[in-house]
Amino acid sequence: SVAERGGPVRPHTRPGAGLYFWHIFAGSPADTFGLSAPGWLVQVDDEELLSIDRLLEVIHSGSFRGREWLRFRTMDSEGRPTVRALQPDPVFWPTVELARGAA
């Protein structure tokens, strides 16, 4: 999206350099704690998340399970970093993975 506007291509906008998000659901922890869309999620706590596979690996490892707060590092389309602390809400906003199985 940055390149389409004629701006420079930032490292975090390249494939494998962050997870692009374009929408934040109202009432979600991301909304409650002020994350802004669109942007790129590049790190949660000390875990760099440069691909969806890495995010799934970290979630499946259980390293975020039971945590009261998580630190999210994001980048906007101009390359400005933002760090926010989010409090997960597993009751109303559980982590769910939808996968297509062999039918």
PDB file of N, CA and C in Angstrom:
ATOM      1  N   SER A   1       0.814  -1.198   0.000  1.00  0.00           N
ATOM      2  CA  SER A   1       0.000   0.000   0.000  1.00  0.00           C
ATOM      3  C   SER A   1       0.853   1.255   0.000  1.00  0.00           C
ATOM      4  N   VAL A   2       2.027   1.189   0.599  1.00  0.00           N
ATOM      5  CA  VAL A   2       2.909   2.351   0.600  1.00  0.00           C
ATOM      6  C   VAL A   2       3.431   2.599  -0.809  1.00  0.00           C
ATOM      7  N   ALA A   3       3.852   1.524  -1.475  1.00  0.00           N
ATOM      8  CA  ALA A   3       4.381   1.676  -2.826  1.00  0.00           C
ATOM      9  C   ALA A   3       3.319   2.203  -3.780  1.00  0.00           C
ATOM     10  N   GLU A   4       2.058   1.813  -3.600  1.00  0.00           N
ATOM     11  CA  GLU A   4       0.987   2.303  -4.456  1.00  0.00           C
ATOM     12  C   GLU A   4       0.814   3.807  -4.333  1.00  0.00           C
ATOM     13  N   ARG A   5       1.110   4.357  -3.165  1.00  0.00           N
ATOM     14  CA  ARG A   5       0.986   5.799  -2.959  1.00  0.00           C
ATOM     15  C   ARG A   5       2.221   6.535  -3.443  1.00  0.00           C
ATOM     16  N   GLY A   6       3.205   5.798  -3.916  1.00  0.00           N
ATOM     17  CA  GLY A   6       4.409   6.441  -4.413  1.00  0.00           C
ATOM     18  C   GLY A   6       5.457   6.636  -3.336  1.00  0.00           C
ATOM     19  N   GLY A   7       5.206   6.152  -2.143  1.00  0.00           N
ATOM     20  CA  GLY A   7       6.167   6.282  -1.049  1.00  0.00           C
ATOM     21  C   GLY A   7       7.228   5.198  -1.130  1.00  0.00           C
ATOM     22  N   PRO A   8       8.231   5.299  -0.270  1.00  0.00           N
ATOM     23  CA  PRO A   8       9.292   4.293  -0.275  1.00  0.00           C
ATOM     24  C   PRO A   8       8.768   2.957   0.248  1.00  0.00           C
ATOM     25  N   VAL A   9       9.348   1.882  -0.228  1.00  0.00           N
ATOM     26  CA  VAL A   9       8.996   0.559   0.280  1.00  0.00           C
ATOM     27  C   VAL A   9       9.810   0.347   1.550  1.00  0.00           C
ATOM     28  N   ARG A  10       9.140   0.243   2.668  1.00  0.00           N
ATOM     29  CA  ARG A  10       9.792   0.067   3.965  1.00  0.00           C
ATOM     30  C   ARG A  10      10.080  -1.416   4.206  1.00  0.00           C
ATOM     31  N   PRO A  11      11.122  -1.724   4.979  1.00  0.00           N
ATOM     32  CA  PRO A  11      11.440  -3.132   5.238  1.00  0.00           C
ATOM     33  C   PRO A  11      10.266  -3.916   5.817  1.00  0.00           C
ATOM     34  N   HIS A  12       9.466  -3.310   6.700  1.00  0.00           N
ATOM     35  CA  HIS A  12       8.368  -4.045   7.330  1.00  0.00           C
ATOM     36  C   HIS A  12       7.209  -4.306   6.379  1.00  0.00           C
ATOM     37  N   THR A  13       7.216  -3.693   5.189  1.00  0.00           N
ATOM     38  CA  THR A  13       6.126  -3.913   4.240  1.00  0.00           C
ATOM     39  C   THR A  13       6.441  -5.031   3.251  1.00  0.00           C
ATOM     40  N   ARG A  14       7.625  -5.588   3.338  1.00  0.00           N
ATOM     41  CA  ARG A  14       8.007  -6.675   2.443  1.00  0.00           C
ATOM     42  C   ARG A  14       7.510  -8.002   2.999  1.00  0.00           C
ATOM     43  N   PRO A  15       7.199  -8.957   2.137  1.00  0.00           N
ATOM     44  CA  PRO A  15       6.788 -10.273   2.629  1.00  0.00           C
ATOM     45  C   PRO A  15       7.841 -10.846   3.569  1.00  0.00           C
ATOM     46  N   GLY A  16       7.388 -11.424   4.678  1.00  0.00           N
ATOM     47  CA  GLY A  16       8.303 -12.006   5.646  1.00  0.00           C
ATOM     48  C   GLY A  16       8.876 -11.001   6.617  1.00  0.00           C
ATOM     49  N   ALA A  17       8.325  -9.793   6.663  1.00  0.00           N
ATOM     50  CA  ALA A  17       8.859  -8.762   7.553  1.00  0.00           C
ATOM     51  C   ALA A  17       7.776  -8.166   8.444  1.00  0.00           C
ATOM     52  N   GLY A  18       6.768  -8.924   8.779  1.00  0.00           N
ATOM     53  CA  GLY A  18       5.696  -8.440   9.642  1.00  0.00           C
ATOM     54  C   GLY A  18       4.351  -8.943   9.150  1.00  0.00           C
ATOM     55  N   LEU A  19       3.354  -8.854  10.011  1.00  0.00           N
ATOM     56  CA  LEU A  19       2.011  -9.324   9.672  1.00  0.00           C
ATOM     57  C   LEU A  19       1.095  -8.131   9.453  1.00  0.00           C
ATOM     58  N   TYR A  20       0.619  -7.967   8.241  1.00  0.00           N
ATOM     59  CA  TYR A  20      -0.238  -6.836   7.892  1.00  0.00           C
ATOM     60  C   TYR A  20      -1.635  -7.039   8.465  1.00  0.00           C
ATOM     61  N   PHE A  21      -2.174  -6.005   9.090  1.00  0.00           N
ATOM     62  CA  PHE A  21      -3.575  -6.029   9.526  1.00  0.00           C
ATOM     63  C   PHE A  21      -4.243  -4.757   9.034  1.00  0.00           C
ATOM     64  N   TRP A  22      -5.479  -4.887   8.581  1.00  0.00           N
ATOM     65  CA  TRP A  22      -6.184  -3.737   8.002  1.00  0.00           C
ATOM     66  C   TRP A  22      -7.435  -3.368   8.773  1.00  0.00           C
ATOM     67  N   HIS A  23      -7.827  -4.187   9.757  1.00  0.00           N
ATOM     68  CA  HIS A  23      -9.055  -3.917  10.498  1.00  0.00           C
ATOM     69  C   HIS A  23      -8.877  -4.342  11.948  1.00  0.00           C
ATOM     70  N   ILE A  24      -9.500  -3.594  12.849  1.00  0.00           N
ATOM     71  CA  ILE A  24      -9.531  -3.941  14.270  1.00  0.00           C
ATOM     72  C   ILE A  24     -10.992  -3.996  14.684  1.00  0.00           C
ATOM     73  N   PHE A  25     -11.396  -5.108  15.265  1.00  0.00           N
ATOM     74  CA  PHE A  25     -12.787  -5.274  15.676  1.00  0.00           C
ATOM     75  C   PHE A  25     -13.107  -4.408  16.882  1.00  0.00           C
ATOM     76  N   ALA A  26     -14.240  -3.713  16.806  1.00  0.00           N
ATOM     77  CA  ALA A  26     -14.691  -2.869  17.918  1.00  0.00           C
ATOM     78  C   ALA A  26     -14.871  -3.722  19.170  1.00  0.00           C
ATOM     79  N   GLY A  27     -14.371  -3.224  20.279  1.00  0.00           N
ATOM     80  CA  GLY A  27     -14.499  -3.922  21.551  1.00  0.00           C
ATOM     81  C   GLY A  27     -13.422  -4.950  21.817  1.00  0.00           C
ATOM     82  N   SER A  28     -12.577  -5.226  20.819  1.00  0.00           N
ATOM     83  CA  SER A  28     -11.492  -6.192  21.013  1.00  0.00           C
ATOM     84  C   SER A  28     -10.400  -5.566  21.880  1.00  0.00           C
ATOM     85  N   PRO A  29      -9.494  -6.370  22.451  1.00  0.00           N
ATOM     86  CA  PRO A  29      -8.382  -5.788  23.204  1.00  0.00           C
ATOM     87  C   PRO A  29      -7.563  -4.798  22.370  1.00  0.00           C
ATOM     88  N   ALA A  30      -7.380  -5.075  21.086  1.00  0.00           N
ATOM     89  CA  ALA A  30      -6.641  -4.139  20.231  1.00  0.00           C
ATOM     90  C   ALA A  30      -7.348  -2.794  20.160  1.00  0.00           C
ATOM     91  N   ASP A  31      -8.665  -2.807  20.057  1.00  0.00           N
ATOM     92  CA  ASP A  31      -9.453  -1.574  20.034  1.00  0.00           C
ATOM     93  C   ASP A  31      -9.415  -0.889  21.399  1.00  0.00           C
ATOM     94  N   THR A  32      -9.631  -1.656  22.452  1.00  0.00           N
ATOM     95  CA  THR A  32      -9.667  -1.106  23.808  1.00  0.00           C
ATOM     96  C   THR A  32      -8.367  -0.406  24.176  1.00  0.00           C
ATOM     97  N   PHE A  33      -7.229  -0.962  23.742  1.00  0.00           N
ATOM     98  CA  PHE A  33      -5.940  -0.405  24.135  1.00  0.00           C
ATOM     99  C   PHE A  33      -5.285   0.439  23.045  1.00  0.00           C
ATOM    100  N   GLY A  34      -6.057   0.838  22.023  1.00  0.00           N
ATOM    101  CA  GLY A  34      -5.636   1.884  21.103  1.00  0.00           C
ATOM    102  C   GLY A  34      -4.772   1.514  19.927  1.00  0.00           C
ATOM    103  N   LEU A  35      -4.770   0.260  19.479  1.00  0.00           N
ATOM    104  CA  LEU A  35      -4.050  -0.057  18.254  1.00  0.00           C
ATOM    105  C   LEU A  35      -4.776   0.579  17.078  1.00  0.00           C
ATOM    106  N   SER A  36      -4.022   1.047  16.106  1.00  0.00           N
ATOM    107  CA  SER A  36      -4.607   1.691  14.929  1.00  0.00           C
ATOM    108  C   SER A  36      -4.347   0.854  13.686  1.00  0.00           C
ATOM    109  N   ALA A  37      -5.350   0.739  12.841  1.00  0.00           N
ATOM    110  CA  ALA A  37      -5.217   0.025  11.569  1.00  0.00           C
ATOM    111  C   ALA A  37      -5.236   1.048  10.444  1.00  0.00           C
ATOM    112  N   PRO A  38      -4.615   0.744   9.326  1.00  0.00           N
ATOM    113  CA  PRO A  38      -3.850  -0.454   9.037  1.00  0.00           C
ATOM    114  C   PRO A  38      -2.441  -0.368   9.620  1.00  0.00           C
ATOM    115  N   GLY A  39      -1.782  -1.512   9.658  1.00  0.00           N
ATOM    116  CA  GLY A  39      -0.419  -1.539  10.171  1.00  0.00           C
ATOM    117  C   GLY A  39       0.175  -2.924  10.041  1.00  0.00           C
ATOM    118  N   TRP A  40       1.367  -3.070  10.576  1.00  0.00           N
ATOM    119  CA  TRP A  40       2.080  -4.334  10.566  1.00  0.00           C
ATOM    120  C   TRP A  40       2.428  -4.707  11.999  1.00  0.00           C
ATOM    121  N   LEU A  41       2.073  -5.903  12.397  1.00  0.00           N
ATOM    122  CA  LEU A  41       2.478  -6.433  13.692  1.00  0.00           C
ATOM    123  C   LEU A  41       3.853  -7.046  13.498  1.00  0.00           C
ATOM    124  N   VAL A  42       4.842  -6.555  14.230  1.00  0.00           N
ATOM    125  CA  VAL A  42       6.202  -7.051  14.039  1.00  0.00           C
ATOM    126  C   VAL A  42       6.753  -7.776  15.258  1.00  0.00           C
ATOM    127  N   GLN A  43       6.152  -7.566  16.441  1.00  0.00           N
ATOM    128  CA  GLN A  43       6.688  -8.219  17.630  1.00  0.00           C
ATOM    129  C   GLN A  43       5.635  -8.261  18.733  1.00  0.00           C
ATOM    130  N   VAL A  44       5.595  -9.368  19.474  1.00  0.00           N
ATOM    131  CA  VAL A  44       4.796  -9.479  20.690  1.00  0.00           C
ATOM    132  C   VAL A  44       5.756  -9.922  21.779  1.00  0.00           C
ATOM    133  N   ASP A  45       5.845  -9.114  22.827  1.00  0.00           N
ATOM    134  CA  ASP A  45       6.852  -9.309  23.872  1.00  0.00           C
ATOM    135  C   ASP A  45       8.217  -9.421  23.196  1.00  0.00           C
ATOM    136  N   ASP A  46       8.956 -10.490  23.438  1.00  0.00           N
ATOM    137  CA  ASP A  46      10.290 -10.622  22.838  1.00  0.00           C
ATOM    138  C   ASP A  46      10.283 -11.477  21.573  1.00  0.00           C
ATOM    139  N   GLU A  47       9.102 -11.818  21.086  1.00  0.00           N
ATOM    140  CA  GLU A  47       8.976 -12.692  19.918  1.00  0.00           C
ATOM    141  C   GLU A  47       8.750 -11.875  18.651  1.00  0.00           C
ATOM    142  N   GLU A  48       9.740 -11.896  17.738  1.00  0.00           N
ATOM    143  CA  GLU A  48       9.540 -11.257  16.439  1.00  0.00           C
ATOM    144  C   GLU A  48       8.561 -12.105  15.637  1.00  0.00           C
ATOM    145  N   LEU A  49       7.597 -11.453  15.023  1.00  0.00           N
ATOM    146  CA  LEU A  49       6.572 -12.158  14.247  1.00  0.00           C
ATOM    147  C   LEU A  49       6.654 -11.697  12.804  1.00  0.00           C
ATOM    148  N   LEU A  50       7.556 -12.315  12.070  1.00  0.00           N
ATOM    149  CA  LEU A  50       7.789 -11.885  10.701  1.00  0.00           C
ATOM    150  C   LEU A  50       6.990 -12.675   9.680  1.00  0.00           C
ATOM    151  N   SER A  51       6.248 -13.675  10.145  1.00  0.00           N
ATOM    152  CA  SER A  51       5.413 -14.461   9.230  1.00  0.00           C
ATOM    153  C   SER A  51       4.252 -15.060  10.010  1.00  0.00           C
ATOM    154  N   ILE A  52       3.207 -15.459   9.301  1.00  0.00           N
ATOM    155  CA  ILE A  52       2.059 -16.091   9.951  1.00  0.00           C
ATOM    156  C   ILE A  52       2.473 -17.425  10.557  1.00  0.00           C
ATOM    157  N   ASP A  53       3.415 -18.115   9.916  1.00  0.00           N
ATOM    158  CA  ASP A  53       3.896 -19.386  10.466  1.00  0.00           C
ATOM    159  C   ASP A  53       4.560 -19.183  11.819  1.00  0.00           C
ATOM    160  N   ARG A  54       5.321 -18.108  11.957  1.00  0.00           N
ATOM    161  CA  ARG A  54       5.972 -17.818  13.240  1.00  0.00           C
ATOM    162  C   ARG A  54       4.927 -17.482  14.304  1.00  0.00           C
ATOM    163  N   LEU A  55       3.900 -16.717  13.942  1.00  0.00           N
ATOM    164  CA  LEU A  55       2.835 -16.396  14.895  1.00  0.00           C
ATOM    165  C   LEU A  55       2.159 -17.675  15.385  1.00  0.00           C
ATOM    166  N   LEU A  56       1.803 -18.568  14.478  1.00  0.00           N
ATOM    167  CA  LEU A  56       1.156 -19.825  14.859  1.00  0.00           C
ATOM    168  C   LEU A  56       2.077 -20.680  15.727  1.00  0.00           C
ATOM    169  N   GLU A  57       3.357 -20.696  15.403  1.00  0.00           N
ATOM    170  CA  GLU A  57       4.331 -21.454  16.196  1.00  0.00           C
ATOM    171  C   GLU A  57       4.377 -20.947  17.641  1.00  0.00           C
ATOM    172  N   VAL A  58       4.417 -19.634  17.803  1.00  0.00           N
ATOM    173  CA  VAL A  58       4.475 -19.042  19.145  1.00  0.00           C
ATOM    174  C   VAL A  58       3.171 -19.293  19.900  1.00  0.00           C
ATOM    175  N   ILE A  59       2.034 -19.157  19.227  1.00  0.00           N
ATOM    176  CA  ILE A  59       0.744 -19.412  19.881  1.00  0.00           C
ATOM    177  C   ILE A  59       0.650 -20.872  20.316  1.00  0.00           C
ATOM    178  N   HIS A  60       1.035 -21.794  19.424  1.00  0.00           N
ATOM    179  CA  HIS A  60       0.951 -23.224  19.750  1.00  0.00           C
ATOM    180  C   HIS A  60       1.917 -23.613  20.860  1.00  0.00           C
ATOM    181  N   SER A  61       3.016 -22.890  21.015  1.00  0.00           N
ATOM    182  CA  SER A  61       3.982 -23.203  22.081  1.00  0.00           C
ATOM    183  C   SER A  61       3.415 -22.897  23.465  1.00  0.00           C
ATOM    184  N   GLY A  62       2.371 -22.065  23.508  1.00  0.00           N
ATOM    185  CA  GLY A  62       1.756 -21.719  24.791  1.00  0.00           C
ATOM    186  C   GLY A  62       2.455 -20.606  25.539  1.00  0.00           C
ATOM    187  N   SER A  63       3.421 -19.946  24.906  1.00  0.00           N
ATOM    188  CA  SER A  63       4.179 -18.918  25.633  1.00  0.00           C
ATOM    189  C   SER A  63       3.346 -17.689  25.997  1.00  0.00           C
ATOM    190  N   PHE A  64       2.212 -17.475  25.335  1.00  0.00           N
ATOM    191  CA  PHE A  64       1.343 -16.341  25.684  1.00  0.00           C
ATOM    192  C   PHE A  64       0.198 -16.755  26.607  1.00  0.00           C
ATOM    193  N   ARG A  65       0.023 -18.051  26.804  1.00  0.00           N
ATOM    194  CA  ARG A  65      -1.106 -18.560  27.595  1.00  0.00           C
ATOM    195  C   ARG A  65      -1.008 -18.096  29.048  1.00  0.00           C
ATOM    196  N   GLY A  66      -2.127 -17.598  29.562  1.00  0.00           N
ATOM    197  CA  GLY A  66      -2.187 -17.191  30.960  1.00  0.00           C
ATOM    198  C   GLY A  66      -1.526 -15.864  31.274  1.00  0.00           C
ATOM    199  N   ARG A  67      -1.049 -15.175  30.260  1.00  0.00           N
ATOM    200  CA  ARG A  67      -0.373 -13.894  30.479  1.00  0.00           C
ATOM    201  C   ARG A  67      -1.402 -12.812  30.743  1.00  0.00           C
ATOM    202  N   GLU A  68      -1.126 -11.954  31.712  1.00  0.00           N
ATOM    203  CA  GLU A  68      -2.053 -10.871  32.024  1.00  0.00           C
ATOM    204  C   GLU A  68      -1.904  -9.706  31.045  1.00  0.00           C
ATOM    205  N   TRP A  69      -0.677  -9.440  30.593  1.00  0.00           N
ATOM    206  CA  TRP A  69      -0.406  -8.355  29.643  1.00  0.00           C
ATOM    207  C   TRP A  69       0.558  -8.844  28.579  1.00  0.00           C
ATOM    208  N   LEU A  70       0.397  -8.337  27.356  1.00  0.00           N
ATOM    209  CA  LEU A  70       1.315  -8.594  26.253  1.00  0.00           C
ATOM    210  C   LEU A  70       1.725  -7.254  25.649  1.00  0.00           C
ATOM    211  N   ARG A  71       2.995  -7.155  25.252  1.00  0.00           N
ATOM    212  CA  ARG A  71       3.504  -5.925  24.635  1.00  0.00           C
ATOM    213  C   ARG A  71       3.548  -6.125  23.112  1.00  0.00           C
ATOM    214  N   PHE A  72       2.788  -5.296  22.391  1.00  0.00           N
ATOM    215  CA  PHE A  72       2.697  -5.375  20.932  1.00  0.00           C
ATOM    216  C   PHE A  72       3.500  -4.249  20.302  1.00  0.00           C
ATOM    217  N   ARG A  73       4.365  -4.597  19.347  1.00  0.00           N
ATOM    218  CA  ARG A  73       5.102  -3.588  18.581  1.00  0.00           C
ATOM    219  C   ARG A  73       4.557  -3.617  17.163  1.00  0.00           C
ATOM    220  N   THR A  74       4.082  -2.461  16.703  1.00  0.00           N
ATOM    221  CA  THR A  74       3.521  -2.349  15.362  1.00  0.00           C
ATOM    222  C   THR A  74       4.234  -1.240  14.600  1.00  0.00           C
ATOM    223  N   MET A  75       4.039  -1.238  13.292  1.00  0.00           N
ATOM    224  CA  MET A  75       4.541  -0.176  12.419  1.00  0.00           C
ATOM    225  C   MET A  75       3.381   0.312  11.578  1.00  0.00           C
ATOM    226  N   ASP A  76       3.312   1.628  11.382  1.00  0.00           N
ATOM    227  CA  ASP A  76       2.284   2.153  10.482  1.00  0.00           C
ATOM    228  C   ASP A  76       2.834   2.207   9.062  1.00  0.00           C
ATOM    229  N   SER A  77       2.045   2.675   8.121  1.00  0.00           N
ATOM    230  CA  SER A  77       2.447   2.671   6.712  1.00  0.00           C
ATOM    231  C   SER A  77       3.590   3.627   6.403  1.00  0.00           C
ATOM    232  N   GLU A  78       3.889   4.515   7.328  1.00  0.00           N
ATOM    233  CA  GLU A  78       5.022   5.427   7.138  1.00  0.00           C
ATOM    234  C   GLU A  78       6.278   4.919   7.835  1.00  0.00           C
ATOM    235  N   GLY A  79       6.183   3.748   8.474  1.00  0.00           N
ATOM    236  CA  GLY A  79       7.340   3.170   9.146  1.00  0.00           C
ATOM    237  C   GLY A  79       7.524   3.623  10.582  1.00  0.00           C
ATOM    238  N   ARG A  80       6.521   4.311  11.134  1.00  0.00           N
ATOM    239  CA  ARG A  80       6.621   4.768  12.525  1.00  0.00           C
ATOM    240  C   ARG A  80       6.261   3.626  13.467  1.00  0.00           C
ATOM    241  N   PRO A  81       7.149   3.320  14.421  1.00  0.00           N
ATOM    242  CA  PRO A  81       6.852   2.247  15.367  1.00  0.00           C
ATOM    243  C   PRO A  81       5.928   2.713  16.486  1.00  0.00           C
ATOM    244  N   THR A  82       5.130   1.797  16.987  1.00  0.00           N
ATOM    245  CA  THR A  82       4.273   2.033  18.148  1.00  0.00           C
ATOM    246  C   THR A  82       4.360   0.801  19.033  1.00  0.00           C
ATOM    247  N   VAL A  83       4.423   1.025  20.333  1.00  0.00           N
ATOM    248  CA  VAL A  83       4.405  -0.080  21.288  1.00  0.00           C
ATOM    249  C   VAL A  83       3.209   0.125  22.201  1.00  0.00           C
ATOM    250  N   ARG A  84       2.393  -0.923  22.342  1.00  0.00           N
ATOM    251  CA  ARG A  84       1.206  -0.869  23.198  1.00  0.00           C
ATOM    252  C   ARG A  84       1.169  -2.117  24.071  1.00  0.00           C
ATOM    253  N   ALA A  85       0.716  -1.948  25.291  1.00  0.00           N
ATOM    254  CA  ALA A  85       0.455  -3.091  26.167  1.00  0.00           C
ATOM    255  C   ALA A  85      -1.017  -3.447  26.017  1.00  0.00           C
ATOM    256  N   LEU A  86      -1.284  -4.714  25.757  1.00  0.00           N
ATOM    257  CA  LEU A  86      -2.661  -5.195  25.615  1.00  0.00           C
ATOM    258  C   LEU A  86      -2.926  -6.263  26.658  1.00  0.00           C
ATOM    259  N   GLN A  87      -4.113  -6.234  27.188  1.00  0.00           N
ATOM    260  CA  GLN A  87      -4.542  -7.252  28.135  1.00  0.00           C
ATOM    261  C   GLN A  87      -5.437  -8.237  27.386  1.00  0.00           C
ATOM    262  N   PRO A  88      -4.967  -9.479  27.200  1.00  0.00           N
ATOM    263  CA  PRO A  88      -5.785 -10.459  26.480  1.00  0.00           C
ATOM    264  C   PRO A  88      -7.110 -10.715  27.195  1.00  0.00           C
ATOM    265  N   ASP A  89      -8.119 -11.069  26.428  1.00  0.00           N
ATOM    266  CA  ASP A  89      -9.434 -11.384  26.979  1.00  0.00           C
ATOM    267  C   ASP A  89      -9.863 -12.741  26.418  1.00  0.00           C
ATOM    268  N   PRO A  90      -9.380 -13.842  27.023  1.00  0.00           N
ATOM    269  CA  PRO A  90      -9.667 -15.163  26.464  1.00  0.00           C
ATOM    270  C   PRO A  90     -11.129 -15.588  26.560  1.00  0.00           C
ATOM    271  N   VAL A  91     -11.920 -14.923  27.392  1.00  0.00           N
ATOM    272  CA  VAL A  91     -13.331 -15.287  27.522  1.00  0.00           C
ATOM    273  C   VAL A  91     -14.128 -14.792  26.321  1.00  0.00           C
ATOM    274  N   PHE A  92     -14.007 -13.490  26.008  1.00  0.00           N
ATOM    275  CA  PHE A  92     -14.784 -12.905  24.918  1.00  0.00           C
ATOM    276  C   PHE A  92     -14.018 -12.841  23.597  1.00  0.00           C
ATOM    277  N   TRP A  93     -12.683 -12.905  23.630  1.00  0.00           N
ATOM    278  CA  TRP A  93     -11.860 -12.835  22.426  1.00  0.00           C
ATOM    279  C   TRP A  93     -10.818 -13.951  22.443  1.00  0.00           C
ATOM    280  N   PRO A  94     -11.249 -15.217  22.399  1.00  0.00           N
ATOM    281  CA  PRO A  94     -10.279 -16.320  22.445  1.00  0.00           C
ATOM    282  C   PRO A  94      -9.470 -16.397  21.150  1.00  0.00           C
ATOM    283  N   THR A  95      -8.284 -16.974  21.261  1.00  0.00           N
ATOM    284  CA  THR A  95      -7.470 -17.216  20.077  1.00  0.00           C
ATOM    285  C   THR A  95      -8.013 -18.454  19.381  1.00  0.00           C
ATOM    286  N   VAL A  96      -8.361 -18.305  18.117  1.00  0.00           N
ATOM    287  CA  VAL A  96      -8.949 -19.398  17.348  1.00  0.00           C
ATOM    288  C   VAL A  96      -8.192 -19.514  16.036  1.00  0.00           C
ATOM    289  N   GLU A  97      -7.895 -20.734  15.646  1.00  0.00           N
ATOM    290  CA  GLU A  97      -7.266 -20.970  14.350  1.00  0.00           C
ATOM    291  C   GLU A  97      -8.259 -21.719  13.476  1.00  0.00           C
ATOM    292  N   LEU A  98      -8.580 -21.135  12.346  1.00  0.00           N
ATOM    293  CA  LEU A  98      -9.454 -21.793  11.378  1.00  0.00           C
ATOM    294  C   LEU A  98      -8.573 -22.411  10.305  1.00  0.00           C
ATOM    295  N   ALA A  99      -8.688 -23.709  10.130  1.00  0.00           N
ATOM    296  CA  ALA A  99      -7.862 -24.401   9.143  1.00  0.00           C
ATOM    297  C   ALA A  99      -8.755 -25.273   8.275  1.00  0.00           C
ATOM    298  N   ARG A 100      -8.424 -25.315   7.018  1.00  0.00           N
ATOM    299  CA  ARG A 100      -9.168 -26.145   6.077  1.00  0.00           C
ATOM    300  C   ARG A 100      -8.591 -27.553   6.129  1.00  0.00           C
ATOM    301  N   GLY A 101      -9.423 -28.528   6.438  1.00  0.00           N
ATOM    302  CA  GLY A 101      -8.963 -29.913   6.538  1.00  0.00           C
ATOM    303  C   GLY A 101      -9.239 -30.685   5.268  1.00  0.00           C
ATOM    304  N   ALA A 102      -8.631 -31.838   5.186  1.00  0.00           N
ATOM    305  CA  ALA A 102      -8.871 -32.713   4.034  1.00  0.00           C
ATOM    306  C   ALA A 102     -10.283 -33.273   4.133  1.00  0.00           C
ATOM    307  N   ALA A 103     -11.056 -33.103   3.079  1.00  0.00           N
ATOM    308  CA  ALA A 103     -12.457 -33.560   3.112  1.00  0.00           C
ATOM    309  C   ALA A 103     -12.620 -34.886   2.431  1.00  0.00           C
TER     310      ALA A 103
END
